[in-house]
Amino acid sequence: MGTIDLPTDVYEALNVPEGEREDVVRRELAVALYREGILSVGKARELSGLSRREFHRLLGDREVDRHYTAAELDEDLEYARR
């Protein structure tokens, strides 16, 4: 796994409890990279550490447009039918 180093003062300035900082940074990075089309929905979800349902809910809460390929849409529709 690759790592990203944040300056200590930036990490400590995050306005979330210390034990939640890494999870919050991962979720925010995942949403931002997906929103910009840098990561696919699957890879962004993997980065976020959330389930498929949780990540899609997060994207909806943030009003992020979905960038679906036909294959991703088929996969999500199949998942929704289960």
PDB file of N, CA and C in Angstrom:
ATOM      1  N   MET A   1       0.848  -1.175   0.000  1.00  0.00           N
ATOM      2  CA  MET A   1       0.000   0.000   0.000  1.00  0.00           C
ATOM      3  C   MET A   1       0.889   1.232   0.000  1.00  0.00           C
ATOM      4  N   GLY A   2       0.520   2.223  -0.788  1.00  0.00           N
ATOM      5  CA  GLY A   2       1.220   3.497  -0.780  1.00  0.00           C
ATOM      6  C   GLY A   2       0.754   4.340   0.388  1.00  0.00           C
ATOM      7  N   THR A   3       1.537   5.312   0.722  1.00  0.00           N
ATOM      8  CA  THR A   3       1.160   6.205   1.816  1.00  0.00           C
ATOM      9  C   THR A   3       1.289   7.646   1.361  1.00  0.00           C
ATOM     10  N   ILE A   4       0.552   8.501   2.016  1.00  0.00           N
ATOM     11  CA  ILE A   4       0.620   9.940   1.785  1.00  0.00           C
ATOM     12  C   ILE A   4       0.966  10.575   3.119  1.00  0.00           C
ATOM     13  N   ASP A   5       1.991  11.386   3.138  1.00  0.00           N
ATOM     14  CA  ASP A   5       2.369  12.085   4.360  1.00  0.00           C
ATOM     15  C   ASP A   5       1.709  13.454   4.386  1.00  0.00           C
ATOM     16  N   LEU A   6       0.984  13.713   5.454  1.00  0.00           N
ATOM     17  CA  LEU A   6       0.406  15.034   5.674  1.00  0.00           C
ATOM     18  C   LEU A   6       1.279  15.762   6.680  1.00  0.00           C
ATOM     19  N   PRO A   7       1.468  17.058   6.486  1.00  0.00           N
ATOM     20  CA  PRO A   7       2.196  17.808   7.511  1.00  0.00           C
ATOM     21  C   PRO A   7       1.487  17.634   8.860  1.00  0.00           C
ATOM     22  N   THR A   8       2.257  17.461   9.901  1.00  0.00           N
ATOM     23  CA  THR A   8       1.702  17.209  11.228  1.00  0.00           C
ATOM     24  C   THR A   8       0.716  18.289  11.638  1.00  0.00           C
ATOM     25  N   ASP A   9       1.039  19.555  11.354  1.00  0.00           N
ATOM     26  CA  ASP A   9       0.134  20.631  11.765  1.00  0.00           C
ATOM     27  C   ASP A   9      -1.187  20.568  11.011  1.00  0.00           C
ATOM     28  N   VAL A  10      -1.167  20.119   9.765  1.00  0.00           N
ATOM     29  CA  VAL A  10      -2.406  19.963   8.994  1.00  0.00           C
ATOM     30  C   VAL A  10      -3.222  18.806   9.570  1.00  0.00           C
ATOM     31  N   TYR A  11      -2.563  17.680   9.811  1.00  0.00           N
ATOM     32  CA  TYR A  11      -3.247  16.508  10.368  1.00  0.00           C
ATOM     33  C   TYR A  11      -3.891  16.849  11.711  1.00  0.00           C
ATOM     34  N   GLU A  12      -3.161  17.550  12.554  1.00  0.00           N
ATOM     35  CA  GLU A  12      -3.685  17.908  13.872  1.00  0.00           C
ATOM     36  C   GLU A  12      -4.773  18.973  13.796  1.00  0.00           C
ATOM     37  N   ALA A  13      -4.809  19.733  12.709  1.00  0.00           N
ATOM     38  CA  ALA A  13      -5.811  20.784  12.556  1.00  0.00           C
ATOM     39  C   ALA A  13      -7.157  20.246  12.073  1.00  0.00           C
ATOM     40  N   LEU A  14      -7.194  18.984  11.655  1.00  0.00           N
ATOM     41  CA  LEU A  14      -8.463  18.415  11.201  1.00  0.00           C
ATOM     42  C   LEU A  14      -9.468  18.472  12.340  1.00  0.00           C
ATOM     43  N   ASN A  15     -10.620  19.014  12.053  1.00  0.00           N
ATOM     44  CA  ASN A  15     -11.639  19.243  13.068  1.00  0.00           C
ATOM     45  C   ASN A  15     -12.511  18.000  13.269  1.00  0.00           C
ATOM     46  N   VAL A  16     -11.855  16.882  13.543  1.00  0.00           N
ATOM     47  CA  VAL A  16     -12.533  15.619  13.846  1.00  0.00           C
ATOM     48  C   VAL A  16     -11.749  14.935  14.962  1.00  0.00           C
ATOM     49  N   PRO A  17     -12.396  14.060  15.718  1.00  0.00           N
ATOM     50  CA  PRO A  17     -11.676  13.361  16.787  1.00  0.00           C
ATOM     51  C   PRO A  17     -10.454  12.623  16.236  1.00  0.00           C
ATOM     52  N   GLU A  18      -9.402  12.588  17.011  1.00  0.00           N
ATOM     53  CA  GLU A  18      -8.130  12.015  16.568  1.00  0.00           C
ATOM     54  C   GLU A  18      -8.282  10.598  16.020  1.00  0.00           C
ATOM     55  N   GLY A  19      -9.073   9.780  16.640  1.00  0.00           N
ATOM     56  CA  GLY A  19      -9.253   8.406  16.199  1.00  0.00           C
ATOM     57  C   GLY A  19      -9.995   8.252  14.887  1.00  0.00           C
ATOM     58  N   GLU A  20     -10.615   9.324  14.398  1.00  0.00           N
ATOM     59  CA  GLU A  20     -11.395   9.273  13.156  1.00  0.00           C
ATOM     60  C   GLU A  20     -10.697   9.962  11.991  1.00  0.00           C
ATOM     61  N   ARG A  21      -9.562  10.586  12.231  1.00  0.00           N
ATOM     62  CA  ARG A  21      -8.913  11.402  11.203  1.00  0.00           C
ATOM     63  C   ARG A  21      -8.574  10.620   9.940  1.00  0.00           C
ATOM     64  N   GLU A  22      -7.954   9.467  10.091  1.00  0.00           N
ATOM     65  CA  GLU A  22      -7.564   8.705   8.898  1.00  0.00           C
ATOM     66  C   GLU A  22      -8.786   8.312   8.070  1.00  0.00           C
ATOM     67  N   ASP A  23      -9.844   7.852   8.724  1.00  0.00           N
ATOM     68  CA  ASP A  23     -11.056   7.463   8.004  1.00  0.00           C
ATOM     69  C   ASP A  23     -11.668   8.649   7.273  1.00  0.00           C
ATOM     70  N   VAL A  24     -11.705   9.798   7.927  1.00  0.00           N
ATOM     71  CA  VAL A  24     -12.273  10.997   7.309  1.00  0.00           C
ATOM     72  C   VAL A  24     -11.447  11.417   6.097  1.00  0.00           C
ATOM     73  N   VAL A  25     -10.130  11.420   6.230  1.00  0.00           N
ATOM     74  CA  VAL A  25      -9.264  11.805   5.111  1.00  0.00           C
ATOM     75  C   VAL A  25      -9.449  10.834   3.951  1.00  0.00           C
ATOM     76  N   ARG A  26      -9.533   9.545   4.225  1.00  0.00           N
ATOM     77  CA  ARG A  26      -9.728   8.550   3.164  1.00  0.00           C
ATOM     78  C   ARG A  26     -11.057   8.770   2.450  1.00  0.00           C
ATOM     79  N   ARG A  27     -12.126   9.006   3.210  1.00  0.00           N
ATOM     80  CA  ARG A  27     -13.440   9.243   2.591  1.00  0.00           C
ATOM     81  C   ARG A  27     -13.435  10.507   1.750  1.00  0.00           C
ATOM     82  N   GLU A  28     -12.875  11.595   2.302  1.00  0.00           N
ATOM     83  CA  GLU A  28     -12.874  12.862   1.573  1.00  0.00           C
ATOM     84  C   GLU A  28     -12.034  12.777   0.304  1.00  0.00           C
ATOM     85  N   LEU A  29     -10.892  12.103   0.399  1.00  0.00           N
ATOM     86  CA  LEU A  29     -10.039  11.925  -0.770  1.00  0.00           C
ATOM     87  C   LEU A  29     -10.750  11.072  -1.817  1.00  0.00           C
ATOM     88  N   ALA A  30     -11.404  10.013  -1.381  1.00  0.00           N
ATOM     89  CA  ALA A  30     -12.132   9.145  -2.309  1.00  0.00           C
ATOM     90  C   ALA A  30     -13.219   9.909  -3.046  1.00  0.00           C
ATOM     91  N   VAL A  31     -14.002  10.695  -2.327  1.00  0.00           N
ATOM     92  CA  VAL A  31     -15.074  11.476  -2.960  1.00  0.00           C
ATOM     93  C   VAL A  31     -14.489  12.480  -3.945  1.00  0.00           C
ATOM     94  N   ALA A  32     -13.453  13.191  -3.537  1.00  0.00           N
ATOM     95  CA  ALA A  32     -12.849  14.208  -4.408  1.00  0.00           C
ATOM     96  C   ALA A  32     -12.259  13.588  -5.671  1.00  0.00           C
ATOM     97  N   LEU A  33     -11.547  12.478  -5.530  1.00  0.00           N
ATOM     98  CA  LEU A  33     -10.931  11.847  -6.701  1.00  0.00           C
ATOM     99  C   LEU A  33     -11.980  11.253  -7.633  1.00  0.00           C
ATOM    100  N   TYR A  34     -13.066  10.745  -7.084  1.00  0.00           N
ATOM    101  CA  TYR A  34     -14.152  10.245  -7.928  1.00  0.00           C
ATOM    102  C   TYR A  34     -14.850  11.406  -8.634  1.00  0.00           C
ATOM    103  N   ARG A  35     -15.145  12.461  -7.882  1.00  0.00           N
ATOM    104  CA  ARG A  35     -15.835  13.630  -8.449  1.00  0.00           C
ATOM    105  C   ARG A  35     -15.071  14.194  -9.643  1.00  0.00           C
ATOM    106  N   GLU A  36     -13.750  14.188  -9.554  1.00  0.00           N
ATOM    107  CA  GLU A  36     -12.914  14.741 -10.624  1.00  0.00           C
ATOM    108  C   GLU A  36     -12.629  13.738 -11.741  1.00  0.00           C
ATOM    109  N   GLY A  37     -13.142  12.522 -11.609  1.00  0.00           N
ATOM    110  CA  GLY A  37     -12.938  11.513 -12.642  1.00  0.00           C
ATOM    111  C   GLY A  37     -11.557  10.879 -12.612  1.00  0.00           C
ATOM    112  N   ILE A  38     -10.850  11.031 -11.500  1.00  0.00           N
ATOM    113  CA  ILE A  38      -9.496  10.489 -11.368  1.00  0.00           C
ATOM    114  C   ILE A  38      -9.539   9.019 -10.960  1.00  0.00           C
ATOM    115  N   LEU A  39     -10.534   8.635 -10.169  1.00  0.00           N
ATOM    116  CA  LEU A  39     -10.717   7.241  -9.769  1.00  0.00           C
ATOM    117  C   LEU A  39     -12.090   6.756 -10.212  1.00  0.00           C
ATOM    118  N   SER A  40     -12.175   5.479 -10.540  1.00  0.00           N
ATOM    119  CA  SER A  40     -13.469   4.858 -10.825  1.00  0.00           C
ATOM    120  C   SER A  40     -14.253   4.759  -9.520  1.00  0.00           C
ATOM    121  N   VAL A  41     -15.531   4.518  -9.642  1.00  0.00           N
ATOM    122  CA  VAL A  41     -16.353   4.383  -8.443  1.00  0.00           C
ATOM    123  C   VAL A  41     -15.880   3.211  -7.590  1.00  0.00           C
ATOM    124  N   GLY A  42     -15.464   2.127  -8.220  1.00  0.00           N
ATOM    125  CA  GLY A  42     -14.996   0.965  -7.462  1.00  0.00           C
ATOM    126  C   GLY A  42     -13.731   1.244  -6.679  1.00  0.00           C
ATOM    127  N   LYS A  43     -12.771   1.892  -7.323  1.00  0.00           N
ATOM    128  CA  LYS A  43     -11.508   2.201  -6.645  1.00  0.00           C
ATOM    129  C   LYS A  43     -11.716   3.281  -5.584  1.00  0.00           C
ATOM    130  N   ALA A  44     -12.578   4.253  -5.856  1.00  0.00           N
ATOM    131  CA  ALA A  44     -12.864   5.285  -4.859  1.00  0.00           C
ATOM    132  C   ALA A  44     -13.545   4.663  -3.641  1.00  0.00           C
ATOM    133  N   ARG A  45     -14.469   3.744  -3.888  1.00  0.00           N
ATOM    134  CA  ARG A  45     -15.133   3.062  -2.784  1.00  0.00           C
ATOM    135  C   ARG A  45     -14.128   2.261  -1.969  1.00  0.00           C
ATOM    136  N   GLU A  46     -13.220   1.595  -2.659  1.00  0.00           N
ATOM    137  CA  GLU A  46     -12.177   0.828  -1.968  1.00  0.00           C
ATOM    138  C   GLU A  46     -11.323   1.744  -1.091  1.00  0.00           C
ATOM    139  N   LEU A  47     -10.930   2.880  -1.633  1.00  0.00           N
ATOM    140  CA  LEU A  47     -10.143   3.849  -0.871  1.00  0.00           C
ATOM    141  C   LEU A  47     -10.910   4.343   0.351  1.00  0.00           C
ATOM    142  N   SER A  48     -12.208   4.568   0.182  1.00  0.00           N
ATOM    143  CA  SER A  48     -13.016   5.103   1.281  1.00  0.00           C
ATOM    144  C   SER A  48     -13.146   4.131   2.448  1.00  0.00           C
ATOM    145  N   GLY A  49     -13.028   2.830   2.159  1.00  0.00           N
ATOM    146  CA  GLY A  49     -13.215   1.837   3.207  1.00  0.00           C
ATOM    147  C   GLY A  49     -14.674   1.567   3.531  1.00  0.00           C
ATOM    148  N   LEU A  50     -15.575   2.113   2.722  1.00  0.00           N
ATOM    149  CA  LEU A  50     -17.005   1.942   2.947  1.00  0.00           C
ATOM    150  C   LEU A  50     -17.544   0.793   2.105  1.00  0.00           C
ATOM    151  N   SER A  51     -18.710   0.294   2.482  1.00  0.00           N
ATOM    152  CA  SER A  51     -19.390  -0.689   1.643  1.00  0.00           C
ATOM    153  C   SER A  51     -19.901   0.029   0.394  1.00  0.00           C
ATOM    154  N   ARG A  52     -20.295  -0.746  -0.578  1.00  0.00           N
ATOM    155  CA  ARG A  52     -20.840  -0.156  -1.810  1.00  0.00           C
ATOM    156  C   ARG A  52     -22.034   0.737  -1.495  1.00  0.00           C
ATOM    157  N   ARG A  53     -22.940   0.213  -0.692  1.00  0.00           N
ATOM    158  CA  ARG A  53     -24.141   0.978  -0.344  1.00  0.00           C
ATOM    159  C   ARG A  53     -23.774   2.269   0.396  1.00  0.00           C
ATOM    160  N   GLU A  54     -22.866   2.165   1.372  1.00  0.00           N
ATOM    161  CA  GLU A  54     -22.463   3.346   2.146  1.00  0.00           C
ATOM    162  C   GLU A  54     -21.799   4.391   1.256  1.00  0.00           C
ATOM    163  N   PHE A  55     -20.946   3.944   0.324  1.00  0.00           N
ATOM    164  CA  PHE A  55     -20.252   4.901  -0.539  1.00  0.00           C
ATOM    165  C   PHE A  55     -21.228   5.591  -1.482  1.00  0.00           C
ATOM    166  N   HIS A  56     -22.163   4.837  -2.045  1.00  0.00           N
ATOM    167  CA  HIS A  56     -23.151   5.464  -2.931  1.00  0.00           C
ATOM    168  C   HIS A  56     -24.041   6.432  -2.154  1.00  0.00           C
ATOM    169  N   ARG A  57     -24.348   6.089  -0.925  1.00  0.00           N
ATOM    170  CA  ARG A  57     -25.128   7.008  -0.089  1.00  0.00           C
ATOM    171  C   ARG A  57     -24.330   8.291   0.164  1.00  0.00           C
ATOM    172  N   LEU A  58     -23.037   8.149   0.446  1.00  0.00           N
ATOM    173  CA  LEU A  58     -22.175   9.314   0.660  1.00  0.00           C
ATOM    174  C   LEU A  58     -22.133  10.189  -0.590  1.00  0.00           C
ATOM    175  N   LEU A  59     -21.981   9.565  -1.758  1.00  0.00           N
ATOM    176  CA  LEU A  59     -21.981  10.342  -3.007  1.00  0.00           C
ATOM    177  C   LEU A  59     -23.306  11.076  -3.185  1.00  0.00           C
ATOM    178  N   GLY A  60     -24.409  10.409  -2.877  1.00  0.00           N
ATOM    179  CA  GLY A  60     -25.715  11.053  -2.980  1.00  0.00           C
ATOM    180  C   GLY A  60     -25.854  12.211  -2.009  1.00  0.00           C
ATOM    181  N   ASP A  61     -25.409  12.003  -0.775  1.00  0.00           N
ATOM    182  CA  ASP A  61     -25.472  13.072   0.226  1.00  0.00           C
ATOM    183  C   ASP A  61     -24.670  14.289  -0.212  1.00  0.00           C
ATOM    184  N   ARG A  62     -23.576  14.051  -0.924  1.00  0.00           N
ATOM    185  CA  ARG A  62     -22.705  15.130  -1.391  1.00  0.00           C
ATOM    186  C   ARG A  62     -23.120  15.658  -2.763  1.00  0.00           C
ATOM    187  N   GLU A  63     -24.192  15.079  -3.323  1.00  0.00           N
ATOM    188  CA  GLU A  63     -24.702  15.468  -4.642  1.00  0.00           C
ATOM    189  C   GLU A  63     -23.630  15.351  -5.723  1.00  0.00           C
ATOM    190  N   VAL A  64     -22.886  14.249  -5.680  1.00  0.00           N
ATOM    191  CA  VAL A  64     -21.833  13.987  -6.656  1.00  0.00           C
ATOM    192  C   VAL A  64     -22.446  13.249  -7.834  1.00  0.00           C
ATOM    193  N   ASP A  65     -22.253  13.783  -9.039  1.00  0.00           N
ATOM    194  CA  ASP A  65     -22.726  13.116 -10.248  1.00  0.00           C
ATOM    195  C   ASP A  65     -21.989  11.803 -10.423  1.00  0.00           C
ATOM    196  N   ARG A  66     -22.712  10.784 -10.888  1.00  0.00           N
ATOM    197  CA  ARG A  66     -22.103   9.476 -11.120  1.00  0.00           C
ATOM    198  C   ARG A  66     -21.496   9.429 -12.515  1.00  0.00           C
ATOM    199  N   HIS A  67     -20.319   8.856 -12.625  1.00  0.00           N
ATOM    200  CA  HIS A  67     -19.620   8.680 -13.900  1.00  0.00           C
ATOM    201  C   HIS A  67     -19.665   7.192 -14.225  1.00  0.00           C
ATOM    202  N   TYR A  68     -20.747   6.752 -14.775  1.00  0.00           N
ATOM    203  CA  TYR A  68     -20.912   5.328 -15.037  1.00  0.00           C
ATOM    204  C   TYR A  68     -20.472   4.936 -16.432  1.00  0.00           C
ATOM    205  N   THR A  69     -19.750   3.838 -16.494  1.00  0.00           N
ATOM    206  CA  THR A  69     -19.591   3.153 -17.768  1.00  0.00           C
ATOM    207  C   THR A  69     -20.777   2.196 -17.853  1.00  0.00           C
ATOM    208  N   ALA A  70     -21.035   1.692 -19.022  1.00  0.00           N
ATOM    209  CA  ALA A  70     -22.141   0.745 -19.181  1.00  0.00           C
ATOM    210  C   ALA A  70     -21.930  -0.476 -18.292  1.00  0.00           C
ATOM    211  N   ALA A  71     -20.698  -0.951 -18.204  1.00  0.00           N
ATOM    212  CA  ALA A  71     -20.406  -2.125 -17.374  1.00  0.00           C
ATOM    213  C   ALA A  71     -20.656  -1.834 -15.895  1.00  0.00           C
ATOM    214  N   GLU A  72     -20.257  -0.648 -15.424  1.00  0.00           N
ATOM    215  CA  GLU A  72     -20.475  -0.287 -14.019  1.00  0.00           C
ATOM    216  C   GLU A  72     -21.963  -0.162 -13.718  1.00  0.00           C
ATOM    217  N   LEU A  73     -22.715   0.403 -14.663  1.00  0.00           N
ATOM    218  CA  LEU A  73     -24.156   0.529 -14.474  1.00  0.00           C
ATOM    219  C   LEU A  73     -24.795  -0.853 -14.387  1.00  0.00           C
ATOM    220  N   ASP A  74     -24.415  -1.752 -15.292  1.00  0.00           N
ATOM    221  CA  ASP A  74     -24.945  -3.117 -15.245  1.00  0.00           C
ATOM    222  C   ASP A  74     -24.611  -3.793 -13.920  1.00  0.00           C
ATOM    223  N   GLU A  75     -23.383  -3.612 -13.465  1.00  0.00           N
ATOM    224  CA  GLU A  75     -22.960  -4.215 -12.200  1.00  0.00           C
ATOM    225  C   GLU A  75     -23.775  -3.668 -11.036  1.00  0.00           C
ATOM    226  N   ASP A  76     -23.993  -2.358 -11.007  1.00  0.00           N
ATOM    227  CA  ASP A  76     -24.766  -1.765  -9.920  1.00  0.00           C
ATOM    228  C   ASP A  76     -26.232  -2.185  -9.980  1.00  0.00           C
ATOM    229  N   LEU A  77     -26.780  -2.284 -11.179  1.00  0.00           N
ATOM    230  CA  LEU A  77     -28.168  -2.723 -11.302  1.00  0.00           C
ATOM    231  C   LEU A  77     -28.316  -4.165 -10.827  1.00  0.00           C
ATOM    232  N   GLU A  78     -27.366  -5.006 -11.189  1.00  0.00           N
ATOM    233  CA  GLU A  78     -27.390  -6.400 -10.732  1.00  0.00           C
ATOM    234  C   GLU A  78     -27.286  -6.456  -9.206  1.00  0.00           C
ATOM    235  N   TYR A  79     -26.413  -5.655  -8.635  1.00  0.00           N
ATOM    236  CA  TYR A  79     -26.252  -5.617  -7.183  1.00  0.00           C
ATOM    237  C   TYR A  79     -27.551  -5.157  -6.514  1.00  0.00           C
ATOM    238  N   ALA A  80     -28.222  -4.175  -7.108  1.00  0.00           N
ATOM    239  CA  ALA A  80     -29.455  -3.641  -6.529  1.00  0.00           C
ATOM    240  C   ALA A  80     -30.586  -4.669  -6.567  1.00  0.00           C
ATOM    241  N   ARG A  81     -30.555  -5.563  -7.534  1.00  0.00           N
ATOM    242  CA  ARG A  81     -31.605  -6.578  -7.659  1.00  0.00           C
ATOM    243  C   ARG A  81     -31.502  -7.663  -6.592  1.00  0.00           C
ATOM    244  N   ARG A  82     -30.359  -7.795  -5.958  1.00  0.00           N
ATOM    245  CA  ARG A  82     -30.160  -8.862  -4.951  1.00  0.00           C
ATOM    246  C   ARG A  82     -30.920  -8.608  -3.690  1.00  0.00           C
TER     247      ARG A  82
END
